[in-house]
């Protein structure tokens, strides 16, 4: 039997014709029919889930590559009053092996130029409060959905946060997220994935790189955080003030590594290490200067958050200035800051020969110790009076003003402490 005779058989031609017809129908359904049918369905389902008006400009399918592309998604706020969520393009490619894995296996998913607008209202609620409340009430499934998502990418994203009680707006631009692999399928949970997050937050560069096994038994995670030129007072305005001092200036540069593990039957461990630098530091108290510093640097060997142990490699302060005031009753301004007893001053004594560190243990070497500061002490308790207007600054106790200056405070010797 030769091949031409086989092709010429009626049964063979019929089978080939049916296969070709099914292929054409599959192509027509996937490329032309299903996108037009599914686009309004997707709009309606998303509107029901988000409780907001939804429009989708275009939906396209590739039935041979098993991929879907959504373009021009626009979700408005309730009542259509303003933008809430949008993206230019979402592409997802599903693998046929999903039929045998008991859950979706996505080869790649890309979101281009997503944008979200968050609002904190005057009563403290958010514009997504209904979604948060609904999510908190939902009960987790007894049998979690198995999934595997590969090559997750977010490009050119943006986020706007309107904090109306604080009358402040925050913006995050140029968001880039990359997650090579994420899966809770049992055979793949021990595979390490390396997520990436980069963005410009209120004009300051922010980068996060890491390695994680989020679904393994140990949840092993290691993250490297890199921030530059962060305006600290801008964010500390959200922290409830526990002490009267107020940070008026400070720019933060930091490179921090965060490592997290949790043994199946052990306690979790959260370890921080890295370096940080504060520039143009200024602290006020009662509207008056308390502390300024051109630059403060710290190198952290390790900080065990849960065990409350820290190992500091080095500390360095460049151009620090400290203002001290002694009130009429003899108490110092630092009492209000540190809640400690008043400092006893002795006439004729200048600054100490070295910094006093208490509550520390495990000192390895104190020979490489350089210190110094610029301090200004205002002494109201011994200020000139009507009876003695010509009082002179012969000592700290009798002086109206005392100042001393050194250029640098530096501690390079590693030391440890528990807190």
Protein backbone atom coordinates (compact mmCIF):
# COMPACT_ATOMS: atom_id res chain seq x y z
CA UNK A 1 0.00 0.00 0.00
CA UNK A 2 1.48 3.32 -1.09
CA UNK A 3 0.78 6.74 0.43
CA UNK A 4 -1.09 8.28 -2.55
CA UNK A 5 -3.63 5.46 -2.44
CA UNK A 6 -4.18 6.11 1.27
CA UNK A 7 -4.83 9.84 0.69
CA UNK A 8 -7.27 9.02 -2.11
CA UNK A 9 -9.46 6.81 0.04
CA UNK A 10 -12.89 8.31 0.84
CA UNK A 11 -12.60 7.63 4.58
CA UNK A 12 -9.22 9.38 4.75
CA UNK A 13 -10.49 12.39 2.82
CA UNK A 14 -13.53 12.55 5.06
CA UNK A 15 -11.41 12.46 8.24
CA UNK A 16 -9.06 15.13 6.91
CA UNK A 17 -12.00 17.26 5.88
CA UNK A 18 -13.57 17.01 9.32
CA UNK A 19 -10.25 17.85 10.99
CA UNK A 20 -9.72 20.84 8.72
CA UNK A 21 -13.27 22.00 9.35
CA UNK A 22 -12.87 21.71 13.11
CA UNK A 23 -9.60 23.61 12.90
CA UNK A 24 -11.24 26.40 10.96
CA UNK A 25 -14.18 26.50 13.38
CA UNK A 26 -11.74 26.57 16.33
CA UNK A 27 -9.88 29.47 14.73
CA UNK A 28 -13.05 31.39 13.87
CA UNK A 29 -14.47 30.86 17.36
CA UNK A 30 -11.24 31.86 19.08
CA UNK A 31 -10.21 34.81 16.95
CA UNK A 32 -13.61 36.28 15.98
CA UNK A 33 -16.63 34.95 17.87
CA UNK A 34 -15.56 34.39 21.49
CA UNK A 35 -13.87 37.81 21.98
CA UNK A 36 -17.06 39.62 20.98
CA UNK A 37 -19.19 37.37 23.17
CA UNK A 38 -16.89 37.39 26.20
CA UNK A 39 -16.01 41.11 26.32
CA UNK A 40 -19.40 42.26 27.71
CA UNK A 41 -19.45 39.23 30.00
CA UNK A 42 -16.08 40.21 31.46
CA UNK A 43 -17.28 43.78 31.92
CA UNK A 44 -20.41 42.64 33.73
CA UNK A 45 -18.63 40.13 35.98
CA UNK A 46 -15.92 42.63 36.97
CA UNK A 47 -18.56 45.26 37.72
CA UNK A 48 -20.35 42.81 40.00
CA UNK A 49 -17.14 41.89 41.86
CA UNK A 50 -15.79 45.45 42.18
CA UNK A 51 -19.18 47.18 42.66
CA UNK A 52 -18.05 49.85 40.21
CA UNK A 53 -18.61 50.76 36.55
CA UNK A 54 -16.25 48.84 34.26
CA UNK A 55 -15.45 49.26 30.59
CA UNK A 56 -13.13 47.08 28.47
CA UNK A 57 -12.07 48.43 25.10
CA UNK A 58 -10.92 45.18 23.52
CA UNK A 59 -10.52 41.48 24.25
CA UNK A 60 -8.62 39.14 21.97
CA UNK A 61 -7.88 35.41 22.13
CA UNK A 62 -5.36 33.17 20.44
CA UNK A 63 -6.85 29.66 20.49
CA UNK A 64 -3.62 28.04 19.28
CA UNK A 65 -1.28 29.72 21.79
CA UNK A 66 -3.95 29.54 24.54
CA UNK A 67 -3.45 33.22 25.32
CA UNK A 68 -5.76 36.12 26.09
CA UNK A 69 -5.17 39.87 25.84
CA UNK A 70 -7.31 42.52 27.53
CA UNK A 71 -6.81 46.11 26.41
CA UNK A 72 -8.08 49.40 27.81
CA UNK A 73 -9.63 48.35 31.10
CA UNK A 74 -11.13 51.32 32.95
CA UNK A 75 -12.80 51.02 36.35
CA UNK A 76 -14.45 54.14 37.74
CA UNK A 77 -15.22 55.03 41.34
CA UNK A 78 -18.69 54.36 42.64
CA UNK A 79 -21.12 56.51 40.74
CA UNK A 80 -18.50 57.11 38.03
CA UNK A 81 -17.09 60.13 39.87
CA UNK A 82 -13.43 59.49 39.04
CA UNK A 83 -10.78 56.93 38.09
CA UNK A 84 -10.17 53.94 40.34
CA UNK A 85 -8.31 51.22 38.41
CA UNK A 86 -7.06 50.91 34.86
CA UNK A 87 -4.43 49.32 32.67
CA UNK A 88 -3.44 49.58 29.02
CA UNK A 89 -2.87 45.89 28.41
CA UNK A 90 -2.98 42.54 30.20
CA UNK A 91 -1.55 39.47 28.52
CA UNK A 92 -1.87 35.91 29.89
CA UNK A 93 -0.65 32.67 28.37
CA UNK A 94 -2.08 29.44 29.82
CA UNK A 95 -0.46 26.04 29.36
CA UNK A 96 -2.49 22.99 28.31
CA UNK A 97 -0.91 21.07 31.20
CA UNK A 98 -3.37 22.93 33.46
CA UNK A 99 -5.87 20.17 32.66
CA UNK A 100 -3.67 17.66 34.46
CA UNK A 101 -2.38 19.78 37.36
CA UNK A 102 -5.74 20.42 39.03
CA UNK A 103 -5.27 24.19 38.72
CA UNK A 104 -4.17 26.91 36.32
CA UNK A 105 -0.59 26.82 35.04
CA UNK A 106 0.19 30.19 33.48
CA UNK A 107 3.30 30.43 31.32
CA UNK A 108 3.44 34.25 31.37
CA UNK A 109 1.36 37.19 32.56
CA UNK A 110 2.16 40.84 31.79
CA UNK A 111 0.35 43.99 32.87
CA UNK A 112 1.31 47.20 31.07
CA UNK A 113 0.80 50.66 32.61
CA UNK A 114 -1.60 49.74 35.44
CA UNK A 115 -2.90 52.62 37.51
CA UNK A 116 -4.80 52.74 40.79
CA UNK A 117 -6.16 55.67 42.79
CA UNK A 118 -6.58 55.30 46.57
CA UNK A 119 -8.34 57.81 48.80
CA UNK A 120 -8.46 58.08 52.58
CA UNK A 121 -11.65 59.88 53.57
CA UNK A 122 -12.11 62.33 56.41
CA UNK A 123 -13.67 59.61 58.61
CA UNK A 124 -10.61 57.36 58.21
CA UNK A 125 -12.20 54.95 55.74
CA UNK A 126 -10.85 54.29 52.26
CA UNK A 127 -12.43 54.33 48.84
CA UNK A 128 -11.85 50.55 48.76
CA UNK A 129 -13.44 49.99 52.17
CA UNK A 130 -16.30 47.94 50.73
CA UNK A 131 -13.86 45.58 49.05
CA UNK A 132 -11.75 45.25 52.21
CA UNK A 133 -14.81 44.49 54.35
CA UNK A 134 -16.04 41.93 51.85
CA UNK A 135 -12.64 40.21 51.72
CA UNK A 136 -12.41 40.04 55.52
CA UNK A 137 -15.78 38.29 55.73
CA UNK A 138 -15.01 35.63 53.14
CA UNK A 139 -14.05 32.21 54.51
CA UNK A 140 -10.98 30.45 53.12
CA UNK A 141 -11.62 27.29 51.12
CA UNK A 142 -10.88 24.00 52.85
CA UNK A 143 -9.07 22.83 49.71
CA UNK A 144 -6.94 25.65 48.32
CA UNK A 145 -6.75 26.13 44.58
CA UNK A 146 -3.47 24.83 43.18
CA UNK A 147 -1.72 27.14 40.73
CA UNK A 148 1.57 27.89 39.03
CA UNK A 149 2.25 31.34 37.59
CA UNK A 150 5.45 32.05 35.69
CA UNK A 151 7.07 35.20 34.31
CA UNK A 152 4.89 37.73 36.13
CA UNK A 153 5.67 41.27 34.97
CA UNK A 154 4.23 44.69 35.75
CA UNK A 155 5.59 47.53 33.63
CA UNK A 156 5.12 51.29 33.94
CA UNK A 157 2.64 51.13 36.82
CA UNK A 158 1.47 54.06 38.93
CA UNK A 159 -0.36 54.62 42.20
CA UNK A 160 -1.89 57.82 43.60
CA UNK A 161 -2.87 58.13 47.24
CA UNK A 162 -4.99 61.10 48.31
CA UNK A 163 -4.83 61.45 52.09
CA UNK A 164 -7.61 63.94 52.69
CA UNK A 165 -7.40 64.11 56.51
CA UNK A 166 -3.71 65.05 56.24
CA UNK A 167 -4.30 67.13 53.10
CA UNK A 168 -1.42 65.26 51.47
CA UNK A 169 -1.02 63.40 48.22
CA UNK A 170 1.48 60.62 47.51
CA UNK A 171 2.49 59.32 44.12
CA UNK A 172 4.30 56.18 43.03
CA UNK A 173 5.55 56.13 39.46
CA UNK A 174 7.48 53.84 37.13
CA UNK A 175 6.47 50.72 39.05
CA UNK A 176 8.23 47.62 37.79
CA UNK A 177 7.52 44.20 39.28
CA UNK A 178 9.08 40.95 38.18
CA UNK A 179 8.35 37.53 39.68
CA UNK A 180 9.87 34.66 37.71
CA UNK A 181 7.90 31.91 39.41
CA UNK A 182 5.10 31.50 41.95
CA UNK A 183 3.42 28.17 42.71
CA UNK A 184 1.75 26.21 45.49
CA UNK A 185 1.77 22.91 43.61
CA UNK A 186 3.42 20.42 46.04
CA UNK A 187 6.18 19.37 43.63
CA UNK A 188 7.24 22.98 43.07
CA UNK A 189 7.02 24.69 46.48
CA UNK A 190 10.75 24.23 47.19
CA UNK A 191 11.78 26.11 44.05
CA UNK A 192 13.29 29.52 44.89
CA UNK A 193 11.84 32.54 43.11
CA UNK A 194 13.52 35.96 42.85
CA UNK A 195 11.00 38.81 42.95
CA UNK A 196 11.89 42.37 41.88
CA UNK A 197 10.12 45.60 42.79
CA UNK A 198 11.32 49.01 41.61
CA UNK A 199 9.54 52.35 41.69
CA UNK A 200 9.88 56.08 42.25
CA UNK A 201 8.01 56.99 45.45
CA UNK A 202 7.33 60.71 45.82
CA UNK A 203 10.39 61.39 43.71
CA UNK A 204 12.69 59.01 45.65
CA UNK A 205 14.08 55.83 44.10
CA UNK A 206 13.01 52.56 45.73
CA UNK A 207 14.22 49.06 44.85
CA UNK A 208 13.52 45.64 46.35
CA UNK A 209 15.17 42.42 45.25
CA UNK A 210 14.81 39.08 46.96
CA UNK A 211 14.65 35.31 47.02
CA UNK A 212 11.68 33.48 48.46
CA UNK A 213 9.91 30.14 48.82
CA UNK A 214 6.51 31.50 49.89
CA UNK A 215 4.69 28.15 49.93
CA UNK A 216 7.43 25.95 51.41
CA UNK A 217 7.23 24.70 55.00
CA UNK A 218 9.88 27.19 56.15
CA UNK A 219 8.53 30.16 54.11
CA UNK A 220 12.19 31.03 53.56
CA UNK A 221 12.49 34.61 52.29
CA UNK A 222 15.40 36.98 51.76
CA UNK A 223 14.77 40.54 50.60
CA UNK A 224 17.20 43.33 49.77
CA UNK A 225 15.73 46.80 50.24
CA UNK A 226 17.41 49.80 48.60
CA UNK A 227 16.03 53.32 49.13
CA UNK A 228 17.59 56.69 48.35
CA UNK A 229 16.80 60.28 49.32
CA UNK A 230 13.63 59.49 51.29
CA UNK A 231 12.09 62.54 52.97
CA UNK A 232 11.44 61.15 56.48
CA UNK A 233 9.31 64.00 57.95
CA UNK A 234 6.92 63.52 55.02
CA UNK A 235 6.15 59.98 56.20
CA UNK A 236 6.60 60.37 59.98
CA UNK A 237 3.62 62.70 59.96
CA UNK A 238 1.53 59.48 59.96
CA UNK A 239 3.19 58.10 63.09
CA UNK A 240 1.47 59.04 66.38
CA UNK A 241 3.90 61.22 68.35
CA UNK A 242 4.90 59.52 71.61
CA UNK A 243 7.43 62.20 72.60
CA UNK A 244 7.46 65.98 72.16
CA UNK A 245 10.47 66.13 69.78
CA UNK A 246 9.61 66.56 66.11
CA UNK A 247 11.76 65.60 63.14
CA UNK A 248 11.78 68.61 60.84
CA UNK A 249 14.41 67.48 58.35
CA UNK A 250 16.06 64.22 57.35
CA UNK A 251 16.87 62.37 54.14
CA UNK A 252 17.31 58.60 54.36
CA UNK A 253 19.54 56.36 52.24
CA UNK A 254 19.48 52.69 53.18
CA UNK A 255 20.46 49.26 51.95
CA UNK A 256 18.84 46.67 54.18
CA UNK A 257 18.66 42.90 53.93
CA UNK A 258 15.67 41.17 55.54
CA UNK A 259 15.77 37.40 56.07
CA UNK A 260 12.78 35.41 57.33
CA UNK A 261 12.49 31.70 58.13
CA UNK A 262 10.12 29.60 60.20
CA UNK A 263 10.78 25.99 61.04
CA UNK A 264 7.69 23.73 60.98
CA UNK A 265 7.82 23.27 64.77
CA UNK A 266 10.03 26.20 65.74
CA UNK A 267 9.79 29.92 66.33
CA UNK A 268 10.00 32.33 63.38
CA UNK A 269 13.20 34.29 62.80
CA UNK A 270 13.34 37.77 61.28
CA UNK A 271 16.88 39.09 60.82
CA UNK A 272 17.77 42.56 59.52
CA UNK A 273 21.23 43.72 58.42
CA UNK A 274 22.73 46.44 56.28
CA UNK A 275 23.64 50.12 56.30
CA UNK A 276 21.67 53.34 56.64
CA UNK A 277 22.55 57.02 56.46
CA UNK A 278 20.60 60.09 57.55
CA UNK A 279 21.46 63.40 55.92
CA UNK A 280 20.51 66.91 56.97
CA UNK A 281 19.01 65.68 60.21
CA UNK A 282 17.16 68.26 62.33
CA UNK A 283 15.01 67.75 65.43
CA UNK A 284 12.97 70.43 67.19
CA UNK A 285 11.22 70.54 70.53
CA UNK A 286 8.67 73.18 71.36
CA UNK A 287 9.53 75.05 68.19
CA UNK A 288 13.20 75.34 69.18
CA UNK A 289 16.15 73.37 67.79
CA UNK A 290 17.21 70.33 69.80
CA UNK A 291 19.53 68.35 67.52
CA UNK A 292 21.06 68.74 64.08
CA UNK A 293 23.52 66.55 62.21
CA UNK A 294 25.01 66.83 58.76
CA UNK A 295 25.17 63.06 58.37
CA UNK A 296 24.60 60.04 60.60
CA UNK A 297 25.66 56.59 59.42
CA UNK A 298 24.97 53.20 60.96
CA UNK A 299 26.13 49.73 59.94
CA UNK A 300 23.96 46.97 61.38
CA UNK A 301 25.59 43.56 61.65
CA UNK A 302 22.33 41.86 62.61
CA UNK A 303 19.04 42.68 64.27
CA UNK A 304 17.00 39.71 65.46
CA UNK A 305 13.55 41.23 65.74
CA UNK A 306 11.80 38.38 67.56
CA UNK A 307 14.68 37.52 69.91
CA UNK A 308 15.31 41.24 70.50
CA UNK A 309 19.06 41.15 69.96
CA UNK A 310 21.16 43.57 67.93
CA UNK A 311 24.77 43.75 66.81
CA UNK A 312 25.92 47.16 65.57
CA UNK A 313 29.12 47.24 63.51
CA UNK A 314 29.71 50.99 63.43
CA UNK A 315 28.10 54.36 64.13
CA UNK A 316 29.26 57.67 62.74
CA UNK A 317 27.93 61.23 63.09
CA UNK A 318 29.34 64.15 61.10
CA UNK A 319 28.81 67.68 62.40
CA UNK A 320 26.29 66.94 65.17
CA UNK A 321 24.94 69.85 67.22
CA UNK A 322 22.96 69.49 70.43
CA UNK A 323 21.07 72.25 72.23
CA UNK A 324 20.48 71.74 75.96
CA UNK A 325 18.37 73.96 78.18
CA UNK A 326 18.29 74.02 81.96
CA UNK A 327 15.07 75.47 83.26
CA UNK A 328 14.56 77.62 86.35
CA UNK A 329 13.76 74.62 88.54
CA UNK A 330 17.03 73.00 87.53
CA UNK A 331 15.63 70.32 85.19
CA UNK A 332 17.09 69.81 81.74
CA UNK A 333 15.19 69.75 78.48
CA UNK A 334 16.38 66.17 77.92
CA UNK A 335 14.18 65.07 80.81
CA UNK A 336 11.13 65.61 78.64
CA UNK A 337 12.78 63.79 75.76
CA UNK A 338 14.30 60.80 77.52
CA UNK A 339 12.20 60.72 80.70
CA UNK A 340 15.40 60.40 82.71
CA UNK A 341 16.60 62.21 85.85
CA UNK A 342 18.14 65.63 85.43
CA UNK A 343 21.79 65.70 84.52
CA UNK A 344 23.99 66.94 87.32
CA UNK A 345 26.46 69.50 86.16
CA UNK A 346 29.67 70.29 87.98
CA UNK A 347 31.43 73.60 87.72
CA UNK A 348 34.48 73.63 85.56
CA UNK A 349 33.76 70.25 83.89
CA UNK A 350 33.66 70.12 80.11
CA UNK A 351 32.52 67.30 77.86
CA UNK A 352 33.37 63.73 78.87
CA UNK A 353 36.34 61.88 77.47
CA UNK A 354 34.18 59.32 75.70
CA UNK A 355 30.59 58.31 75.08
CA UNK A 356 28.88 56.39 77.84
CA UNK A 357 27.09 53.27 76.61
CA UNK A 358 24.90 51.40 79.06
CA UNK A 359 23.10 48.10 78.87
CA UNK A 360 25.50 46.72 76.24
CA UNK A 361 27.45 43.50 76.28
CA UNK A 362 29.91 41.65 74.09
CA UNK A 363 32.30 44.51 73.34
CA UNK A 364 35.13 43.32 71.13
CA UNK A 365 37.33 46.42 70.80
CA UNK A 366 36.98 50.02 71.97
CA UNK A 367 40.36 51.29 70.77
CA UNK A 368 39.05 52.66 67.46
CA UNK A 369 36.68 55.18 69.03
CA UNK A 370 36.41 58.75 67.81
CA UNK A 371 33.81 61.10 69.23
CA UNK A 372 32.82 64.70 69.39
CA UNK A 373 29.84 67.00 69.19
CA UNK A 374 28.78 70.59 69.21
CA UNK A 375 26.52 71.38 72.12
CA UNK A 376 24.81 74.53 73.28
CA UNK A 377 23.52 74.62 76.86
CA UNK A 378 21.15 77.34 77.94
CA UNK A 379 21.05 77.65 81.74
CA UNK A 380 17.89 79.41 82.92
CA UNK A 381 18.39 78.35 86.54
CA UNK A 382 21.47 80.57 86.87
CA UNK A 383 20.57 83.31 84.42
CA UNK A 384 21.58 86.91 85.24
CA UNK A 385 19.22 88.57 87.68
CA UNK A 386 18.42 92.18 88.61
CA UNK A 387 20.61 91.85 91.69
CA UNK A 388 23.55 90.48 89.75
CA UNK A 389 23.27 91.58 86.11
CA UNK A 390 27.00 91.20 85.47
CA UNK A 391 27.14 87.45 86.13
CA UNK A 392 29.95 85.90 84.01
CA UNK A 393 30.29 82.52 82.34
CA UNK A 394 32.99 81.14 84.62
CA UNK A 395 31.50 77.63 84.67
CA UNK A 396 28.75 75.56 83.16
CA UNK A 397 26.70 75.88 86.34
CA UNK A 398 26.95 79.67 86.34
CA UNK A 399 26.86 80.22 82.58
CA UNK A 400 23.96 81.42 80.49
CA UNK A 401 25.41 79.66 77.49
CA UNK A 402 27.97 76.90 77.11
CA UNK A 403 29.18 75.48 73.82
CA UNK A 404 31.74 72.93 72.74
CA UNK A 405 32.54 71.68 69.26
CA UNK A 406 34.06 68.53 67.72
CA UNK A 407 33.66 67.57 64.07
CA UNK A 408 32.87 63.87 64.18
CA UNK A 409 31.33 61.20 66.40
CA UNK A 410 32.38 57.75 65.27
CA UNK A 411 32.11 54.30 66.84
CA UNK A 412 33.63 51.55 64.76
CA UNK A 413 34.00 48.89 67.42
CA UNK A 414 31.25 46.26 67.08
CA UNK A 415 29.01 45.88 70.07
CA UNK A 416 25.89 43.94 70.94
CA UNK A 417 22.82 44.71 72.95
CA UNK A 418 19.48 43.24 73.88
CA UNK A 419 16.39 45.38 73.88
